[in-house]
Protein backbone atom coordinates (compact mmCIF):
# COMPACT_ATOMS: atom_id res chain seq x y z
CA UNK A 1 34.21 4.46 11.11
CA UNK A 2 31.57 2.55 9.17
CA UNK A 3 32.52 -1.07 8.60
CA UNK A 4 31.89 -3.34 5.63
CA UNK A 5 28.55 -2.31 4.12
CA UNK A 6 28.24 -5.23 1.72
CA UNK A 7 25.96 -7.33 3.95
CA UNK A 8 23.59 -4.43 4.57
CA UNK A 9 23.45 -3.50 0.90
CA UNK A 10 22.78 -7.13 -0.07
CA UNK A 11 19.62 -7.43 2.08
CA UNK A 12 17.84 -4.22 1.04
CA UNK A 13 16.23 -3.23 -2.23
CA UNK A 14 17.88 0.15 -2.72
CA UNK A 15 20.24 2.66 -1.16
CA UNK A 16 19.83 6.31 -2.14
CA UNK A 17 22.63 6.65 -2.61
CA UNK A 18 25.42 4.11 -2.03
CA UNK A 19 27.99 6.76 -2.91
CA UNK A 20 26.68 9.04 -0.18
CA UNK A 21 26.57 6.20 2.34
CA UNK A 22 30.18 5.30 1.68
CA UNK A 23 31.36 8.86 2.34
CA UNK A 24 30.15 8.68 5.97
CA UNK A 25 32.75 8.11 8.67
CA UNK A 26 30.04 7.75 11.32
CA UNK A 27 26.30 7.59 10.93
CA UNK A 28 23.11 7.84 12.96
CA UNK A 29 20.19 5.89 11.54
CA UNK A 30 16.62 5.08 12.41
CA UNK A 31 13.56 3.15 11.42
CA UNK A 32 10.11 4.16 12.64
CA UNK A 33 7.24 1.81 13.46
CA UNK A 34 3.61 2.56 14.22
CA UNK A 35 2.45 0.64 17.29
CA UNK A 36 -0.69 -0.82 15.78
CA UNK A 37 -1.14 -4.45 16.73
CA UNK A 38 0.61 -7.83 16.62
CA UNK A 39 4.00 -8.19 14.92
CA UNK A 40 4.15 -10.06 11.64
CA UNK A 41 7.09 -11.41 9.66
CA UNK A 42 7.39 -8.33 7.44
CA UNK A 43 8.03 -6.21 10.52
CA UNK A 44 9.56 -8.61 13.02
CA UNK A 45 11.90 -10.97 11.20
CA UNK A 46 12.77 -8.71 8.28
CA UNK A 47 13.41 -5.50 10.18
CA UNK A 48 15.10 -7.05 13.21
CA UNK A 49 17.72 -8.48 10.88
CA UNK A 50 18.06 -5.42 8.65
CA UNK A 51 18.61 -3.21 11.68
CA UNK A 52 21.14 -5.67 13.05
CA UNK A 53 22.98 -5.57 9.72
CA UNK A 54 23.02 -1.77 9.92
CA UNK A 55 24.37 -1.87 13.48
CA UNK A 56 27.00 -4.41 12.45
CA UNK A 57 28.09 -1.97 9.73
CA UNK A 58 28.69 0.69 12.37
CA UNK A 59 25.46 2.70 12.01
CA UNK A 60 24.17 3.92 15.37
CA UNK A 61 20.56 2.74 15.10
CA UNK A 62 17.40 3.97 16.82
CA UNK A 63 13.93 2.45 16.66
CA UNK A 64 11.32 5.20 16.76
CA UNK A 65 8.11 3.93 18.33
CA UNK A 66 5.81 6.32 16.50
CA UNK A 67 2.95 6.67 18.95
CA UNK A 68 1.71 10.06 17.76
CA UNK A 69 1.88 8.93 14.16
CA UNK A 70 -0.24 5.89 15.05
CA UNK A 71 -2.83 8.16 16.67
CA UNK A 72 -3.03 10.29 13.52
CA UNK A 73 -3.51 7.07 11.55
CA UNK A 74 -6.43 6.05 13.81
CA UNK A 75 -4.72 3.01 15.32
CA UNK A 76 -6.57 1.73 18.39
CA UNK A 77 -9.09 4.50 17.77
CA UNK A 78 -6.39 7.09 18.50
CA UNK A 79 -6.11 5.93 22.14
CA UNK A 80 -2.55 7.02 23.00
CA UNK A 81 -2.45 4.99 26.22
CA UNK A 82 -3.20 1.77 24.37
CA UNK A 83 -0.84 2.76 21.53
CA UNK A 84 1.98 3.19 24.06
CA UNK A 85 1.28 -0.21 25.62
CA UNK A 86 1.49 -1.67 22.15
CA UNK A 87 4.79 0.17 21.67
CA UNK A 88 6.17 -1.62 24.73
CA UNK A 89 4.95 -4.89 23.25
CA UNK A 90 6.71 -4.05 19.96
CA UNK A 91 9.94 -3.28 21.80
CA UNK A 92 9.82 -6.65 23.55
CA UNK A 93 8.95 -8.30 20.24
CA UNK A 94 12.05 -6.97 18.50
CA UNK A 95 14.22 -8.02 21.43
CA UNK A 96 12.64 -11.49 21.43
CA UNK A 97 13.68 -11.92 17.81
CA UNK A 98 17.30 -11.07 18.53
CA UNK A 99 17.57 -7.32 18.02
CA UNK A 100 21.05 -6.04 18.88
CA UNK A 101 20.74 -4.70 22.47
CA UNK A 102 22.84 -1.65 21.54
CA UNK A 103 20.02 -0.40 19.29
CA UNK A 104 18.10 2.33 21.12
CA UNK A 105 14.35 2.92 21.39
CA UNK A 106 12.66 6.32 21.42
CA UNK A 107 9.03 7.38 21.49
CA UNK A 108 7.69 10.00 19.13
CA UNK A 109 6.03 11.56 22.17
CA UNK A 110 9.53 12.42 23.46
CA UNK A 111 10.21 14.37 20.28
CA UNK A 112 6.91 16.26 20.13
CA UNK A 113 7.21 17.34 23.78
CA UNK A 114 9.81 19.91 22.66
CA UNK A 115 8.62 23.16 21.08
CA UNK A 116 11.67 23.11 18.79
CA UNK A 117 10.15 20.05 17.09
CA UNK A 118 7.02 22.00 16.16
CA UNK A 119 9.03 25.00 15.04
CA UNK A 120 10.91 22.70 12.67
CA UNK A 121 7.69 21.06 11.48
CA UNK A 122 6.36 24.51 10.60
CA UNK A 123 9.45 25.13 8.45
CA UNK A 124 8.91 21.75 6.79
CA UNK A 125 5.27 22.66 6.09
CA UNK A 126 6.26 25.98 4.52
CA UNK A 127 8.66 24.17 2.19
CA UNK A 128 5.92 21.89 0.79
CA UNK A 129 2.76 22.04 -1.27
CA UNK A 130 -0.37 20.11 -0.37
CA UNK A 131 -0.16 18.08 -3.57
CA UNK A 132 3.40 17.00 -2.71
CA UNK A 133 2.31 15.99 0.79
CA UNK A 134 -0.60 13.96 -0.59
CA UNK A 135 1.73 11.97 -2.83
CA UNK A 136 3.47 10.71 0.34
CA UNK A 137 0.30 9.37 1.97
CA UNK A 138 1.03 5.71 1.06
CA UNK A 139 3.27 5.70 4.16
CA UNK A 140 0.02 5.50 6.15
CA UNK A 141 -1.51 2.87 3.90
CA UNK A 142 -3.85 5.66 2.78
CA UNK A 143 -4.92 7.16 -0.52
CA UNK A 144 -4.68 10.86 -1.38
CA UNK A 145 -8.47 11.11 -1.05
CA UNK A 146 -8.29 10.17 2.64
CA UNK A 147 -6.79 13.57 3.43
CA UNK A 148 -9.89 15.23 1.96
CA UNK A 149 -11.96 13.58 4.70
CA UNK A 150 -9.47 14.06 7.56
CA UNK A 151 -6.91 16.84 7.21
CA UNK A 152 -4.84 15.46 10.13
CA UNK A 153 -3.53 12.86 7.66
CA UNK A 154 -1.54 15.66 6.00
CA UNK A 155 0.45 16.13 9.21
CA UNK A 156 1.85 12.60 9.10
CA UNK A 157 4.32 12.97 6.18
CA UNK A 158 5.47 16.30 7.58
CA UNK A 159 6.07 14.69 10.96
CA UNK A 160 8.09 11.90 9.40
CA UNK A 161 10.30 14.40 7.58
CA UNK A 162 10.61 16.41 10.78
CA UNK A 163 11.59 13.28 12.73
CA UNK A 164 14.56 12.75 10.42
CA UNK A 165 15.75 16.34 10.64
CA UNK A 166 15.05 16.75 14.36
CA UNK A 167 17.04 13.63 15.29
CA UNK A 168 19.87 14.85 13.02
CA UNK A 169 20.02 11.54 11.17
CA UNK A 170 22.40 10.42 8.48
CA UNK A 171 20.40 7.37 7.36
CA UNK A 172 16.64 6.77 7.24
CA UNK A 173 15.34 3.21 6.81
CA UNK A 174 11.94 2.08 5.62
CA UNK A 175 10.04 -0.17 3.27
CA UNK A 176 9.52 0.83 -0.33
CA UNK A 177 6.22 2.39 0.75
CA UNK A 178 8.31 5.00 2.60
CA UNK A 179 10.12 6.10 -0.55
CA UNK A 180 7.84 9.06 -1.33
CA UNK A 181 8.32 10.72 2.05
CA UNK A 182 12.06 10.08 2.09
CA UNK A 183 12.42 11.69 -1.34
CA UNK A 184 10.27 14.57 -0.14
CA UNK A 185 12.55 15.12 2.86
CA UNK A 186 15.72 14.79 0.77
CA UNK A 187 14.40 17.42 -1.63
CA UNK A 188 13.69 20.02 1.04
CA UNK A 189 16.57 19.57 3.48
CA UNK A 190 18.36 22.72 2.28
CA UNK A 191 15.15 24.75 2.49
CA UNK A 192 14.85 23.92 6.19
CA UNK A 193 18.60 24.35 6.76
CA UNK A 194 19.23 20.70 7.64
CA UNK A 195 21.78 18.21 6.34
CA UNK A 196 20.91 15.62 3.75
CA UNK A 197 20.58 11.93 4.54
CA UNK A 198 20.79 8.53 2.90
CA UNK A 199 17.51 6.63 2.36
CA UNK A 200 17.59 2.82 2.53
CA UNK A 201 14.55 0.80 1.51
CA UNK A 202 13.59 -2.85 1.80
CA UNK A 203 11.19 -4.79 -0.39
CA UNK A 204 7.60 -5.14 0.73
CA UNK A 205 6.24 -8.63 1.34
CA UNK A 206 2.83 -9.15 -0.21
CA UNK A 207 -0.22 -10.35 1.63
CA UNK A 208 -0.31 -14.13 1.82
CA UNK A 209 -3.38 -13.79 -0.35
CA UNK A 210 -1.13 -12.52 -3.15
CA UNK A 211 -0.98 -9.36 -5.21
CA UNK A 212 1.33 -6.51 -6.17
CA UNK A 213 4.12 -6.16 -3.59
CA UNK A 214 4.61 -2.49 -4.57
CA UNK A 215 1.03 -1.67 -3.59
CA UNK A 216 1.17 -0.56 0.08
CA UNK A 217 -2.49 -1.53 0.44
CA UNK A 218 -1.64 -5.14 -0.39
CA UNK A 219 1.28 -5.92 1.92
CA UNK A 220 1.12 -8.08 5.03
CA UNK A 221 -1.34 -6.37 7.35
CA UNK A 222 -1.91 -6.52 11.09
CA UNK A 223 -5.61 -5.85 10.51
CA UNK A 224 -6.04 -8.87 8.19
CA UNK A 225 -5.17 -11.97 10.18
CA UNK A 226 -4.80 -14.36 7.25
CA UNK A 227 -2.69 -11.92 5.22
CA UNK A 228 0.34 -12.50 7.44
CA UNK A 229 2.15 -14.87 9.75
CA UNK A 230 2.44 -13.30 13.20
CA UNK A 231 5.29 -14.05 15.57
CA UNK A 232 2.90 -15.55 18.16
CA UNK A 233 1.02 -17.81 15.75
CA UNK A 234 0.89 -21.44 16.81
CA UNK A 235 2.67 -24.03 14.65
CA UNK A 236 -0.77 -25.12 13.46
CA UNK A 237 -1.74 -21.59 12.43
CA UNK A 238 1.59 -21.03 10.68
CA UNK A 239 1.14 -24.24 8.68
CA UNK A 240 -2.47 -23.40 7.85
CA UNK A 241 -1.69 -19.88 6.67
CA UNK A 242 1.29 -20.92 4.59
CA UNK A 243 -0.56 -23.89 3.13
CA UNK A 244 -3.42 -21.64 1.92
CA UNK A 245 -1.15 -18.80 0.68
CA UNK A 246 -1.06 -17.62 -2.91
CA UNK A 247 1.70 -19.54 -4.70
CA UNK A 248 0.83 -20.48 -8.30
CA UNK A 249 3.09 -22.96 -10.01
CA UNK A 250 6.12 -21.54 -11.87
CA UNK A 251 5.08 -17.95 -10.99
CA UNK A 252 7.38 -15.44 -9.29
CA UNK A 253 5.52 -12.13 -9.60
CA UNK A 254 3.39 -11.32 -6.56
CA UNK A 255 4.27 -14.62 -4.90
CA UNK A 256 4.49 -14.03 -1.12
CA UNK A 257 6.02 -17.46 -0.43
CA UNK A 258 8.97 -16.73 -2.70
CA UNK A 259 9.24 -13.22 -1.25
CA UNK A 260 9.60 -14.64 2.26
CA UNK A 261 12.26 -17.06 1.07
CA UNK A 262 14.15 -14.32 -0.77
CA UNK A 263 13.96 -11.45 1.71
CA UNK A 264 13.96 -13.29 5.03
CA UNK A 265 15.02 -16.93 4.88
CA UNK A 266 17.94 -16.80 2.44
CA UNK A 267 19.13 -13.39 3.64
CA UNK A 268 19.23 -14.22 7.33
CA UNK A 269 18.51 -17.88 8.11
CA UNK A 270 20.28 -19.74 5.33
CA UNK A 271 21.97 -22.81 6.68
CA UNK A 272 20.92 -24.93 3.74
CA UNK A 273 17.22 -25.09 2.87
CA UNK A 274 15.83 -28.58 2.21
CA UNK A 275 12.85 -28.56 -0.19
CA UNK A 276 11.12 -31.52 -1.75
CA UNK A 277 13.43 -34.20 -3.08
CA UNK A 278 16.46 -31.91 -3.23
CA UNK A 279 18.71 -32.20 -0.19
CA UNK A 280 19.20 -28.45 0.20
CA UNK A 281 19.41 -25.10 -1.56
CA UNK A 282 22.25 -22.71 -0.79
CA UNK A 283 20.90 -19.72 -2.71
CA UNK A 284 17.57 -18.15 -3.53
CA UNK A 285 18.56 -17.89 -7.19
CA UNK A 286 18.77 -21.69 -7.48
CA UNK A 287 15.46 -22.15 -5.68
CA UNK A 288 13.65 -19.65 -7.92
CA UNK A 289 15.11 -21.21 -11.06
CA UNK A 290 13.93 -24.69 -10.10
CA UNK A 291 10.50 -23.39 -9.10
CA UNK A 292 10.03 -21.59 -12.43
CA UNK A 293 11.14 -24.73 -14.27
CA UNK A 294 8.55 -26.77 -12.38
CA UNK A 295 11.09 -28.83 -10.44
CA UNK A 296 9.64 -27.66 -7.11
CA UNK A 297 5.93 -28.07 -6.38
CA UNK A 298 4.25 -25.23 -4.42
CA UNK A 299 3.20 -27.71 -1.72
CA UNK A 300 6.83 -28.71 -1.09
CA UNK A 301 7.88 -25.05 -1.04
CA UNK A 302 5.19 -24.27 1.53
CA UNK A 303 5.86 -27.29 3.74
CA UNK A 304 9.55 -26.42 4.02
CA UNK A 305 8.77 -22.76 4.77
CA UNK A 306 6.30 -23.65 7.52
CA UNK A 307 8.84 -25.84 9.29
CA UNK A 308 11.52 -23.17 8.98
CA UNK A 309 9.30 -20.39 10.37
CA UNK A 310 8.11 -22.54 13.28
CA UNK A 311 11.74 -23.18 14.21
CA UNK A 312 12.80 -19.52 13.83
CA UNK A 313 9.92 -18.20 15.95
CA UNK A 314 10.24 -20.67 18.82
CA UNK A 315 12.81 -18.59 20.82
CA UNK A 316 10.52 -15.54 20.58
CA UNK A 317 7.61 -17.50 22.03
CA UNK A 318 9.78 -18.68 24.94
CA UNK A 319 10.99 -15.10 25.55
CA UNK A 320 7.42 -13.90 26.07
CA UNK A 321 6.29 -16.92 28.05
CA UNK A 322 9.00 -16.78 30.72
CA UNK A 323 8.14 -13.27 31.98
CA UNK A 324 4.72 -12.33 33.34
CA UNK A 325 4.75 -8.72 32.09
CA UNK A 326 5.81 -9.76 28.60
CA UNK A 327 3.25 -12.55 28.63
CA UNK A 328 0.49 -10.07 29.51
CA UNK A 329 1.55 -7.80 26.65
CA UNK A 330 1.52 -10.74 24.26
CA UNK A 331 -1.95 -11.83 25.36
CA UNK A 332 -3.27 -8.28 24.98
CA UNK A 333 -2.03 -7.78 21.44
CA UNK A 334 -1.65 -11.20 19.80
């Protein structure tokens, strides 16, 4: 039986639909990740905790290390061997941040090794138009025009829909940039003779340089070092990046510092947040109100966040340092 879902629902942006989720006695869920470089806060801290909340609610969770998907998306030049080493690094990264050890890991290469997977993908392809597939390309951080230059990009959304159906999932997790492909898969499940599923989406965290958090091209990026805090960053680098981040006074929209507080710190690490002259904040709502009213200066907001992130990430650093294999993976991909 699924347990209390209130914690899970409180730390995500939307559940499509809550009514469907609450009808499930048991549930298999997953979240897929492209192995594509170092782990940043938007992947590591946010998703480790969201997946733990799902597991705590009784959802049987799997992390799909999407190696084939990363190759389609030209990560590491499509070198599957390097992509798979990075997948091992990602696995260790999630565990270093406290991922529930009962959560399973699978490689996409395990799925595609079975001819039944490709037979199902063919059925998915026949249920879709090219224009509908193109509308789902933001899951790659790509525009619709990219598929005109490289038709392999069209395979990616179809693979993601096939992953969900092939693993017989009840719940699919992803950021808001995954919404298009989840809606696509929900729309066609009857056409491919598969059961429906619940889609759960988290907010995106903007690049530290600022911008529209709903634009998948402007979220924290592994390829743009100063757009994100990475789990291996030194305390000095964390402080430098946070100090130079976009955070205009009294402004909430597109503010990555507030987004980190809201979606990560207050959701999962809230033991009283001391900022500026105030002794502590117990809720994000109070913090945002005081910031908008000018009672909190951006510099104080940033200083407190830097100290909090340095403290949160310290156990992960020790996890990698005390094992030679993990340390080698960290050095290769940091």
